C-alpha atoms as a PDB file:
ATOM      1  CA  MET A   1     118.035  -6.517 -77.854  1.00  0.00           C
ATOM      2  CA  LYS A   2     115.281  -5.615 -76.038  1.00  0.00           C
ATOM      3  CA  ARG A   3     114.878  -2.575 -77.468  1.00  0.00           C
ATOM      4  CA  PHE A   4     114.520  -4.107 -81.011  1.00  0.00           C
ATOM      5  CA  PHE A   5     111.403  -6.476 -79.191  1.00  0.00           C
ATOM      6  CA  VAL A   6     110.088  -2.859 -78.386  1.00  0.00           C
ATOM      7  CA  ALA A   7     110.595  -1.722 -81.792  1.00  0.00           C
ATOM      8  CA  CYS A   8     108.727  -4.447 -83.523  1.00  0.00           C
ATOM      9  CA  ALA A   9     105.844  -4.393 -81.156  1.00  0.00           C
ATOM     10  CA  ALA A  10     105.307  -0.961 -81.567  1.00  0.00           C
ATOM     11  CA  VAL A  11     104.908  -1.865 -86.197  1.00  0.00           C
ATOM     12  CA  LEU A  12     102.380  -4.246 -84.804  1.00  0.00           C
ATOM     13  CA  ALA A  13     100.284  -1.612 -82.743  1.00  0.00           C
ATOM     14  CA  VAL A  14     100.578   1.110 -85.605  1.00  0.00           C
ATOM     15  CA  SER A  15      97.879  -1.221 -87.440  1.00  0.00           C
ATOM     16  CA  ALA A  16      94.460   0.085 -86.025  1.00  0.00           C
ATOM     17  CA  SER A  17      91.385   1.793 -85.917  1.00  0.00           C
ATOM     18  CA  LEU A  18      89.748   5.427 -85.415  1.00  0.00           C
ATOM     19  CA  HIS A  19      85.847   5.743 -84.686  1.00  0.00           C
ATOM     20  CA  ALA A  20      84.400   1.926 -84.161  1.00  0.00           C
ATOM     21  CA  ASP A  21      85.408  -0.709 -81.409  1.00  0.00           C
ATOM     22  CA  VAL A  22      87.908  -3.431 -83.656  1.00  0.00           C
ATOM     23  CA  THR A  23      89.108  -6.445 -82.356  1.00  0.00           C
ATOM     24  CA  VAL A  24      91.720  -8.436 -84.795  1.00  0.00           C
ATOM     25  CA  LYS A  25      92.674 -12.021 -84.142  1.00  0.00           C
ATOM     26  CA  GLN A  26      95.858 -13.343 -85.306  1.00  0.00           C
ATOM     27  CA  THR A  27      97.972 -16.593 -85.583  1.00  0.00           C
ATOM     28  CA  ILE A  28     101.550 -16.792 -86.326  1.00  0.00           C
ATOM     29  CA  THR A  29     102.857 -20.273 -87.246  1.00  0.00           C
ATOM     30  CA  MET A  30     106.557 -21.129 -88.409  1.00  0.00           C
ATOM     31  CA  SER A  31     108.022 -23.892 -90.604  1.00  0.00           C
ATOM     32  CA  GLY A  32     111.501 -24.789 -91.497  1.00  0.00           C
ATOM     33  CA  GLY A  33     114.753 -24.398 -89.597  1.00  0.00           C
ATOM     34  CA  ALA A  34     112.585 -21.437 -87.053  1.00  0.00           C
ATOM     35  CA  ALA A  35     109.962 -24.859 -86.156  1.00  0.00           C
ATOM     36  CA  ALA A  36     113.100 -26.873 -85.284  1.00  0.00           C
ATOM     37  CA  MET A  37     114.422 -24.416 -83.553  1.00  0.00           C
ATOM     38  CA  ALA A  38     110.816 -23.913 -81.344  1.00  0.00           C
ATOM     39  CA  GLY A  39     110.766 -27.540 -80.553  1.00  0.00           C
ATOM     40  CA  GLY A  40     107.434 -28.000 -80.690  1.00  0.00           C
ATOM     41  CA  MET A  41     106.493 -25.218 -78.394  1.00  0.00           C
ATOM     42  CA  PRO A  42     103.290 -23.418 -79.048  1.00  0.00           C
ATOM     43  CA  MET A  43     103.464 -20.539 -81.567  1.00  0.00           C
ATOM     44  CA  PRO A  44     102.422 -16.769 -80.471  1.00  0.00           C
ATOM     45  CA  THR A  45      98.756 -15.605 -81.063  1.00  0.00           C
ATOM     46  CA  LEU A  46      98.124 -11.802 -81.621  1.00  0.00           C
ATOM     47  CA  THR A  47      95.280  -9.785 -80.758  1.00  0.00           C
ATOM     48  CA  MET A  48      94.293  -5.938 -81.133  1.00  0.00           C
ATOM     49  CA  ARG A  49      91.902  -4.171 -80.168  1.00  0.00           C
ATOM     50  CA  ILE A  50      91.223  -0.843 -80.951  1.00  0.00           C
ATOM     51  CA  LYS A  51      88.622   2.090 -79.507  1.00  0.00           C
ATOM     52  CA  GLY A  52      89.138   4.998 -80.701  1.00  0.00           C
ATOM     53  CA  LEU A  53      92.398   6.668 -81.004  1.00  0.00           C
ATOM     54  CA  LYS A  54      93.726   3.807 -78.493  1.00  0.00           C
ATOM     55  CA  ALA A  55      95.047   0.800 -79.739  1.00  0.00           C
ATOM     56  CA  ARG A  56      96.219  -2.921 -77.553  1.00  0.00           C
ATOM     57  CA  THR A  57      98.360  -5.273 -78.994  1.00  0.00           C
ATOM     58  CA  ASP A  58      98.497  -8.946 -76.870  1.00  0.00           C
ATOM     59  CA  ILE A  59     101.754 -11.266 -78.038  1.00  0.00           C
ATOM     60  CA  ASP A  60     101.123 -14.426 -76.218  1.00  0.00           C
ATOM     61  CA  VAL A  61     104.029 -16.910 -76.637  1.00  0.00           C
ATOM     62  CA  MET A  62     105.328 -19.941 -74.253  1.00  0.00           C
ATOM     63  CA  GLY A  63     102.967 -18.611 -71.538  1.00  0.00           C
ATOM     64  CA  GLN A  64     103.949 -15.487 -71.185  1.00  0.00           C
ATOM     65  CA  THR A  65     101.670 -12.546 -72.737  1.00  0.00           C
ATOM     66  CA  MET A  66     103.530  -9.006 -74.414  1.00  0.00           C
ATOM     67  CA  THR A  67     101.466  -6.307 -74.311  1.00  0.00           C
ATOM     68  CA  THR A  68     101.757  -3.097 -75.835  1.00  0.00           C
ATOM     69  CA  ILE A  69      98.868   0.369 -75.487  1.00  0.00           C
ATOM     70  CA  VAL A  70      99.027   3.061 -77.525  1.00  0.00           C
ATOM     71  CA  ASP A  71      97.262   6.569 -77.540  1.00  0.00           C
ATOM     72  CA  LEU A  72      97.749   8.767 -79.799  1.00  0.00           C
ATOM     73  CA  ALA A  73      95.400  11.516 -78.422  1.00  0.00           C
ATOM     74  CA  ALA A  74      97.908  11.111 -75.194  1.00  0.00           C
ATOM     75  CA  LYS A  75     100.906  10.743 -76.970  1.00  0.00           C
ATOM     76  CA  GLN A  76     102.037   8.111 -75.445  1.00  0.00           C
ATOM     77  CA  MET A  77     103.005   4.241 -75.498  1.00  0.00           C
ATOM     78  CA  TYR A  78     103.370   1.592 -72.743  1.00  0.00           C
ATOM     79  CA  VAL A  79     104.926  -1.770 -73.222  1.00  0.00           C
ATOM     80  CA  LEU A  80     103.928  -4.223 -70.440  1.00  0.00           C
ATOM     81  CA  ASN A  81     106.144  -7.205 -69.387  1.00  0.00           C
ATOM     82  CA  SER A  82     103.454  -9.178 -67.400  1.00  0.00           C
ATOM     83  CA  ALA A  83     106.554 -11.293 -65.823  1.00  0.00           C
ATOM     84  CA  ASP A  84     107.399  -8.721 -63.772  1.00  0.00           C
ATOM     85  CA  LYS A  85     104.876  -6.643 -63.844  1.00  0.00           C
ATOM     86  CA  THR A  86     106.752  -3.674 -65.945  1.00  0.00           C
ATOM     87  CA  ALA A  87     106.026  -1.201 -68.067  1.00  0.00           C
ATOM     88  CA  LYS A  88     108.243   0.969 -70.136  1.00  0.00           C
ATOM     89  CA  LEU A  89     106.508   4.318 -70.794  1.00  0.00           C
ATOM     90  CA  VAL A  90     107.223   6.009 -74.890  1.00  0.00           C
ATOM     91  CA  ASP A  91     106.558   9.656 -74.998  1.00  0.00           C
ATOM     92  CA  LEU A  92     104.863   9.846 -78.518  1.00  0.00           C
ATOM     93  CA  SER A  93     105.298  13.416 -79.047  1.00  0.00           C
ATOM     94  CA  ALA A  94     107.733  15.113 -81.245  1.00  0.00           C
ATOM     95  CA  PRO A  95     110.912  13.523 -80.861  1.00  0.00           C
ATOM     96  CA  ALA A  96     114.438  14.912 -78.943  1.00  0.00           C
ATOM     97  CA  ALA A  97     116.964  15.597 -81.242  1.00  0.00           C
ATOM     98  CA  GLY A  98     120.727  14.514 -80.809  1.00  0.00           C
ATOM     99  CA  ALA A  99     119.603  10.856 -79.059  1.00  0.00           C
ATOM    100  CA  PRO A 100     122.755   9.347 -77.107  1.00  0.00           C
ATOM    101  CA  ALA A 101     124.803   7.740 -79.776  1.00  0.00           C
ATOM    102  CA  ALA A 102     125.193   4.767 -77.042  1.00  0.00           C
ATOM    103  CA  ALA A 103     121.669   4.205 -77.192  1.00  0.00           C
ATOM    104  CA  ALA A 104     121.426   3.914 -81.206  1.00  0.00           C
ATOM    105  CA  ALA A 105     124.509   1.327 -81.287  1.00  0.00           C
ATOM    106  CA  ALA A 106     122.451  -1.054 -79.464  1.00  0.00           C
ATOM    107  CA  MET A 107     120.015  -0.969 -82.096  1.00  0.00           C
ATOM    108  CA  PRO A 108     120.519  -2.924 -85.120  1.00  0.00           C
ATOM    109  CA  LYS A 109     120.718  -1.537 -88.304  1.00  0.00           C
ATOM    110  CA  ILE A 110     117.441  -2.163 -90.235  1.00  0.00           C
ATOM    111  CA  GLU A 111     117.086  -1.636 -94.121  1.00  0.00           C
ATOM    112  CA  GLY A 112     113.500  -2.360 -95.326  1.00  0.00           C
ATOM    113  CA  LYS A 113     111.084  -2.121 -98.209  1.00  0.00           C
ATOM    114  CA  PHE A 114     107.525  -2.126 -98.678  1.00  0.00           C
ATOM    115  CA  GLU A 115     105.949  -1.467-101.582  1.00  0.00           C
ATOM    116  CA  SER A 116     103.045  -2.687-104.282  1.00  0.00           C
ATOM    117  CA  THR A 117     103.170  -5.703-106.505  1.00  0.00           C
ATOM    118  CA  GLY A 118      99.691  -4.294-108.429  1.00  0.00           C
ATOM    119  CA  LYS A 119      98.561  -8.268-108.018  1.00  0.00           C
ATOM    120  CA  SER A 120      95.566  -9.520-106.193  1.00  0.00           C
ATOM    121  CA  GLN A 121      93.934 -11.967-105.326  1.00  0.00           C
ATOM    122  CA  THR A 122      90.333 -12.914-103.111  1.00  0.00           C
ATOM    123  CA  ILE A 123      91.578 -14.453 -99.245  1.00  0.00           C
ATOM    124  CA  ASP A 124      88.227 -15.859 -97.008  1.00  0.00           C
ATOM    125  CA  GLY A 125      85.862 -13.605 -99.579  1.00  0.00           C
ATOM    126  CA  LEU A 126      88.082 -10.197 -99.212  1.00  0.00           C
ATOM    127  CA  THR A 127      89.754  -9.063-101.704  1.00  0.00           C
ATOM    128  CA  CYS A 128      93.566  -8.821-101.601  1.00  0.00           C
ATOM    129  CA  ASP A 129      96.290  -6.817-102.703  1.00  0.00           C
ATOM    130  CA  GLU A 130      99.678  -7.724-102.564  1.00  0.00           C
ATOM    131  CA  TYR A 131     102.864  -5.703-100.938  1.00  0.00           C
ATOM    132  CA  ALA A 132     106.134  -6.664-101.640  1.00  0.00           C
ATOM    133  CA  PHE A 133     108.123  -6.784 -98.089  1.00  0.00           C
ATOM    134  CA  ALA A 134     112.054  -7.031 -97.720  1.00  0.00           C
ATOM    135  CA  MET A 135     114.491  -6.630 -94.770  1.00  0.00           C
ATOM    136  CA  THR A 136     117.727  -6.946 -93.555  1.00  0.00           C
ATOM    137  CA  VAL A 137     119.134  -6.861 -89.840  1.00  0.00           C
ATOM    138  CA  ALA A 138     122.748  -6.071 -88.892  1.00  0.00           C
ATOM    139  CA  LEU A 139     122.833  -8.399 -86.098  1.00  0.00           C
ATOM    140  CA  GLY A 140     126.749  -8.406 -86.162  1.00  0.00           C
ATOM    141  CA  GLU A 141     126.376  -4.304 -85.539  1.00  0.00           C
ATOM    142  CA  THR A 142     123.719  -5.070 -82.889  1.00  0.00           C
ATOM    143  CA  MET A 143     126.234  -7.215 -80.757  1.00  0.00           C
ATOM    144  CA  GLY A 144     129.486  -4.851 -82.111  1.00  0.00           C
ATOM    145  CA  GLY A 145     127.864  -2.203 -79.961  1.00  0.00           C
ATOM    146  CA  ARG A 146     127.875  -3.977 -77.189  1.00  0.00           C
ATOM    147  CA  GLY A 147     131.248  -5.017 -76.874  1.00  0.00           C
ATOM    148  CA  ALA A 148     131.593  -4.996 -73.294  1.00  0.00           C
ATOM    149  CA  GLN A 149     129.200  -6.997 -72.914  1.00  0.00           C
ATOM    150  CA  MET A 150     130.017 -10.185 -74.734  1.00  0.00           C
ATOM    151  CA  PRO A 151     133.363 -12.440 -74.903  1.00  0.00           C
ATOM    152  CA  PRO A 152     135.585 -11.827 -78.055  1.00  0.00           C
ATOM    153  CA  GLU A 153     134.420 -15.614 -79.340  1.00  0.00           C
ATOM    154  CA  ALA A 154     130.998 -14.346 -79.573  1.00  0.00           C
ATOM    155  CA  MET A 155     131.959 -11.383 -81.352  1.00  0.00           C
ATOM    156  CA  GLU A 156     133.789 -12.602 -83.529  1.00  0.00           C
ATOM    157  CA  MET A 157     130.999 -15.233 -84.890  1.00  0.00           C
ATOM    158  CA  MET A 158     128.180 -12.730 -85.346  1.00  0.00           C
ATOM    159  CA  LYS A 159     130.500  -9.891 -86.724  1.00  0.00           C
ATOM    160  CA  ASP A 160     129.172 -10.097 -90.444  1.00  0.00           C
ATOM    161  CA  VAL A 161     125.711 -11.956 -89.315  1.00  0.00           C
ATOM    162  CA  LYS A 162     122.611 -10.307 -90.907  1.00  0.00           C
ATOM    163  CA  MET A 163     119.028 -11.612 -90.906  1.00  0.00           C
ATOM    164  CA  VAL A 164     117.610 -11.327 -94.260  1.00  0.00           C
ATOM    165  CA  MET A 165     113.690 -11.536 -94.336  1.00  0.00           C
ATOM    166  CA  ASN A 166     111.536 -11.179 -97.764  1.00  0.00           C
ATOM    167  CA  GLY A 167     107.980 -12.028 -98.641  1.00  0.00           C
ATOM    168  CA  SER A 168     104.667 -10.869 -99.106  1.00  0.00           C
ATOM    169  CA  ILE A 169     101.684  -8.754 -96.931  1.00  0.00           C
ATOM    170  CA  TRP A 170      98.240  -9.232 -98.704  1.00  0.00           C
ATOM    171  CA  MET A 171      96.028  -6.000 -97.464  1.00  0.00           C
ATOM    172  CA  THR A 172      92.236  -5.273 -97.754  1.00  0.00           C
ATOM    173  CA  LYS A 173      90.411  -2.939 -97.953  1.00  0.00           C
ATOM    174  CA  THR A 174      86.745  -4.383 -97.234  1.00  0.00           C
ATOM    175  CA  GLY A 175      85.590  -6.064 -94.704  1.00  0.00           C
ATOM    176  CA  PRO A 176      83.745  -5.316 -90.890  1.00  0.00           C
ATOM    177  CA  GLY A 177      85.990  -2.737 -88.786  1.00  0.00           C
ATOM    178  CA  VAL A 178      88.404  -2.445 -91.768  1.00  0.00           C
ATOM    179  CA  ALA A 179      87.294   1.139 -93.237  1.00  0.00           C
ATOM    180  CA  GLU A 180      87.901   2.116 -89.048  1.00  0.00           C
ATOM    181  CA  TYR A 181      91.626   0.051 -88.902  1.00  0.00           C
ATOM    182  CA  ILE A 182      92.927   2.354 -91.842  1.00  0.00           C
ATOM    183  CA  ALA A 183      91.357   5.211 -90.339  1.00  0.00           C
ATOM    184  CA  PHE A 184      94.253   4.720 -87.244  1.00  0.00           C
ATOM    185  CA  GLN A 185      96.697   3.942 -89.381  1.00  0.00           C
ATOM    186  CA  LYS A 186      96.347   7.463 -91.419  1.00  0.00           C
ATOM    187  CA  ALA A 187      96.370   9.119 -88.027  1.00  0.00           C
ATOM    188  CA  ALA A 188      99.350   7.414 -86.998  1.00  0.00           C
ATOM    189  CA  ALA A 189     101.042   7.794 -89.863  1.00  0.00           C
ATOM    190  CA  ASP A 190     100.464  11.923 -89.602  1.00  0.00           C
ATOM    191  CA  SER A 191     101.590  11.790 -86.310  1.00  0.00           C
ATOM    192  CA  PRO A 192     105.229  11.596 -84.826  1.00  0.00           C
ATOM    193  CA  MET A 193     104.868   7.906 -83.357  1.00  0.00           C
ATOM    194  CA  ALA A 194     107.486   6.336 -85.612  1.00  0.00           C
ATOM    195  CA  SER A 195     110.424   8.946 -85.418  1.00  0.00           C
ATOM    196  CA  ALA A 196     109.388   9.587 -81.595  1.00  0.00           C
ATOM    197  CA  ILE A 197     109.467   5.445 -80.728  1.00  0.00           C
ATOM    198  CA  ALA A 198     113.021   5.505 -82.543  1.00  0.00           C
ATOM    199  CA  SER A 199     114.233   8.823 -80.913  1.00  0.00           C
ATOM    200  CA  SER A 200     113.732   6.871 -77.496  1.00  0.00           C
ATOM    201  CA  MET A 201     115.337   3.824 -78.662  1.00  0.00           C
ATOM    202  CA  GLY A 202     118.664   5.917 -79.881  1.00  0.00           C
ATOM    203  CA  GLY A 203     117.550   7.106 -83.003  1.00  0.00           C
ATOM    204  CA  SER A 204     116.536   6.295 -86.252  1.00  0.00           C
ATOM    205  CA  ASN A 205     118.057   2.569 -87.405  1.00  0.00           C
ATOM    206  CA  GLY A 206     115.506   2.240 -90.198  1.00  0.00           C
ATOM    207  CA  MET A 207     112.910   0.417 -88.466  1.00  0.00           C
ATOM    208  CA  ASP A 208     110.387   3.835 -88.568  1.00  0.00           C
ATOM    209  CA  LYS A 209     110.640   4.251 -92.559  1.00  0.00           C
ATOM    210  CA  VAL A 210     109.541   1.069 -92.299  1.00  0.00           C
ATOM    211  CA  MET A 211     106.672   1.473 -89.771  1.00  0.00           C
ATOM    212  CA  THR A 212     105.758   4.745 -91.633  1.00  0.00           C
ATOM    213  CA  ALA A 213     105.823   2.950 -94.842  1.00  0.00           C
ATOM    214  CA  VAL A 214     103.204   0.155 -93.433  1.00  0.00           C
ATOM    215  CA  ALA A 215     100.887   2.742 -91.611  1.00  0.00           C
ATOM    216  CA  LYS A 216     100.414   4.724 -95.013  1.00  0.00           C
ATOM    217  CA  ALA A 217      99.318   1.271 -97.046  1.00  0.00           C
ATOM    218  CA  GLN A 218      95.994   2.071 -96.019  1.00  0.00           C
ATOM    219  CA  GLY A 219      94.960  -1.397 -95.204  1.00  0.00           C
ATOM    220  CA  MET A 220      94.462  -4.586 -92.985  1.00  0.00           C
ATOM    221  CA  ALA A 221      97.101  -7.124 -93.367  1.00  0.00           C
ATOM    222  CA  TYR A 222      95.511 -10.279 -93.862  1.00  0.00           C
ATOM    223  CA  LEU A 223      97.757 -12.517 -94.564  1.00  0.00           C
ATOM    224  CA  THR A 224     101.853 -12.464 -94.390  1.00  0.00           C
ATOM    225  CA  GLU A 225     104.220 -14.706 -95.427  1.00  0.00           C
ATOM    226  CA  ILE A 226     107.900 -14.027 -94.659  1.00  0.00           C
ATOM    227  CA  ASP A 227     110.751 -16.211 -95.676  1.00  0.00           C
ATOM    228  CA  MET A 228     113.689 -15.715 -93.590  1.00  0.00           C
ATOM    229  CA  THR A 229     117.537 -16.788 -94.105  1.00  0.00           C
ATOM    230  CA  MET A 230     120.812 -16.056 -92.479  1.00  0.00           C
ATOM    231  CA  GLU A 231     123.803 -14.547 -94.224  1.00  0.00           C
ATOM    232  CA  GLY A 232     127.421 -14.108 -93.489  1.00  0.00           C
ATOM    233  CA  SER A 233     130.231 -16.361 -91.828  1.00  0.00           C
ATOM    234  CA  GLY A 234     130.710 -18.574 -88.598  1.00  0.00           C
ATOM    235  CA  GLN A 235     129.338 -21.579 -87.343  1.00  0.00           C
ATOM    236  CA  MET A 236     125.927 -19.666 -86.369  1.00  0.00           C
ATOM    237  CA  VAL A 237     124.827 -19.465 -89.921  1.00  0.00           C
ATOM    238  CA  GLU A 238     126.059 -22.775 -90.794  1.00  0.00           C
ATOM    239  CA  MET A 239     124.268 -24.095 -88.232  1.00  0.00           C
ATOM    240  CA  MET A 240     121.165 -22.344 -89.983  1.00  0.00           C
ATOM    241  CA  LYS A 241     121.958 -23.033 -92.894  1.00  0.00           C
ATOM    242  CA  GLN A 242     121.489 -26.784 -92.465  1.00  0.00           C
ATOM    243  CA  MET A 243     118.314 -26.632 -90.479  1.00  0.00           C
ATOM    244  CA  GLY A 244     116.800 -25.088 -93.383  1.00  0.00           C
ATOM    245  CA  ALA A 245     114.726 -22.107 -95.132  1.00  0.00           C
ATOM    246  CA  MET A 246     112.468 -20.676 -92.042  1.00  0.00           C
ATOM    247  CA  LYS A 247     109.355 -19.549 -93.075  1.00  0.00           C
ATOM    248  CA  MET A 248     106.842 -16.892 -90.875  1.00  0.00           C
ATOM    249  CA  THR A 249     103.096 -16.628 -91.680  1.00  0.00           C
ATOM    250  CA  ASN A 250     100.700 -14.315 -90.350  1.00  0.00           C
ATOM    251  CA  LYS A 251      96.988 -14.725 -90.741  1.00  0.00           C
ATOM    252  CA  VAL A 252      93.962 -12.855 -89.468  1.00  0.00           C
ATOM    253  CA  THR A 253      91.333 -15.537 -88.518  1.00  0.00           C
ATOM    254  CA  ASP A 254      88.907 -12.975 -86.795  1.00  0.00           C
ATOM    255  CA  VAL A 255      87.699  -9.327 -86.852  1.00  0.00           C
ATOM    256  CA  SER A 256      84.941  -8.231 -84.647  1.00  0.00           C
ATOM    257  CA  THR A 257      83.405  -4.743 -83.695  1.00  0.00           C
ATOM    258  CA  ALA A 258      82.178  -5.440 -80.419  1.00  0.00           C
ATOM    259  CA  ALA A 259      82.449  -2.753 -78.103  1.00  0.00           C
ATOM    260  CA  ILE A 260      85.447  -2.656 -75.715  1.00  0.00           C
ATOM    261  CA  ALA A 261      86.083  -2.332 -72.464  1.00  0.00           C
ATOM    262  CA  ASP A 262      87.950   1.008 -71.306  1.00  0.00           C
ATOM    263  CA  ASP A 263      89.723  -0.352 -69.005  1.00  0.00           C
ATOM    264  CA  LEU A 264      91.571  -2.483 -71.150  1.00  0.00           C
ATOM    265  CA  PHE A 265      93.826   0.507 -72.597  1.00  0.00           C
ATOM    266  CA  LYS A 266      94.640   1.641 -69.385  1.00  0.00           C
ATOM    267  CA  LEU A 267      97.839   1.022 -67.334  1.00  0.00           C
ATOM    268  CA  PRO A 268      97.273  -2.041 -65.358  1.00  0.00           C
ATOM    269  CA  ALA A 269      97.423  -1.616 -61.213  1.00  0.00           C
ATOM    270  CA  GLY A 270     100.730  -2.966 -59.787  1.00  0.00           C
ATOM    271  CA  TYR A 271     103.047  -2.232 -62.650  1.00  0.00           C
ATOM    272  CA  THR A 272     106.559  -0.259 -62.281  1.00  0.00           C
ATOM    273  CA  VAL A 273     106.647   2.522 -64.858  1.00  0.00           C
ATOM    274  CA  SER A 274     109.987   3.300 -66.184  1.00  0.00           C
ATOM    275  CA  LYS A 275     111.052   5.758 -69.208  1.00  0.00           C
END
């Protein structure tokens, strides 16, 4: 599942900028079953920092920080783990053909949709256009690919389990830093970034297509509202259904165009790098 989180972090890192320095702060809230599972723990906060063709995303959750640093010019991405000071290096140049089947098996199959609805609304004084978002993650297929690492009972419980996400992403094309944000999106979409990340994780599982669609939307995701449900059979699915519907909201709380130090886009000293 670690590979899946790396891919999700990459999706977040795609949204950035080209000329001016831009810092975008976001809050993430959960309600329903997801909030009950969290047990009152603080929800994640997300900060994106953009400088030229470089982007840094910091996700703070449960006292730990997961950092992604993307450099489109150098064609590389670092995913940092502050807990053990390790960094995964992903080559963003053209992906190699024939990714190992074993690595592909470790990634869940993803089916996604991202398309304009034609609707708009004003949020915090900004005109935002709505995009319908849908994603289905086949969790059971992931566990099946790791059969040697799981007890048979656990495999049986997860064999047909899917996480289904549906909702709206409201994107704006106006406001401080938005033009630069959109420019980076275009640069990322025109690069082999999404396919290279997919290749490094064992080949396309559908996540790269979602990443490219979001990057080409030409806007800043200002408000995201996603309903999450579990489908399938077994005790886990029934337990989640009893806890009620889950909803995740991700909202921009601040956008700044103040200058950002170059050092924030470099690999910190003391980190061990793996590929």
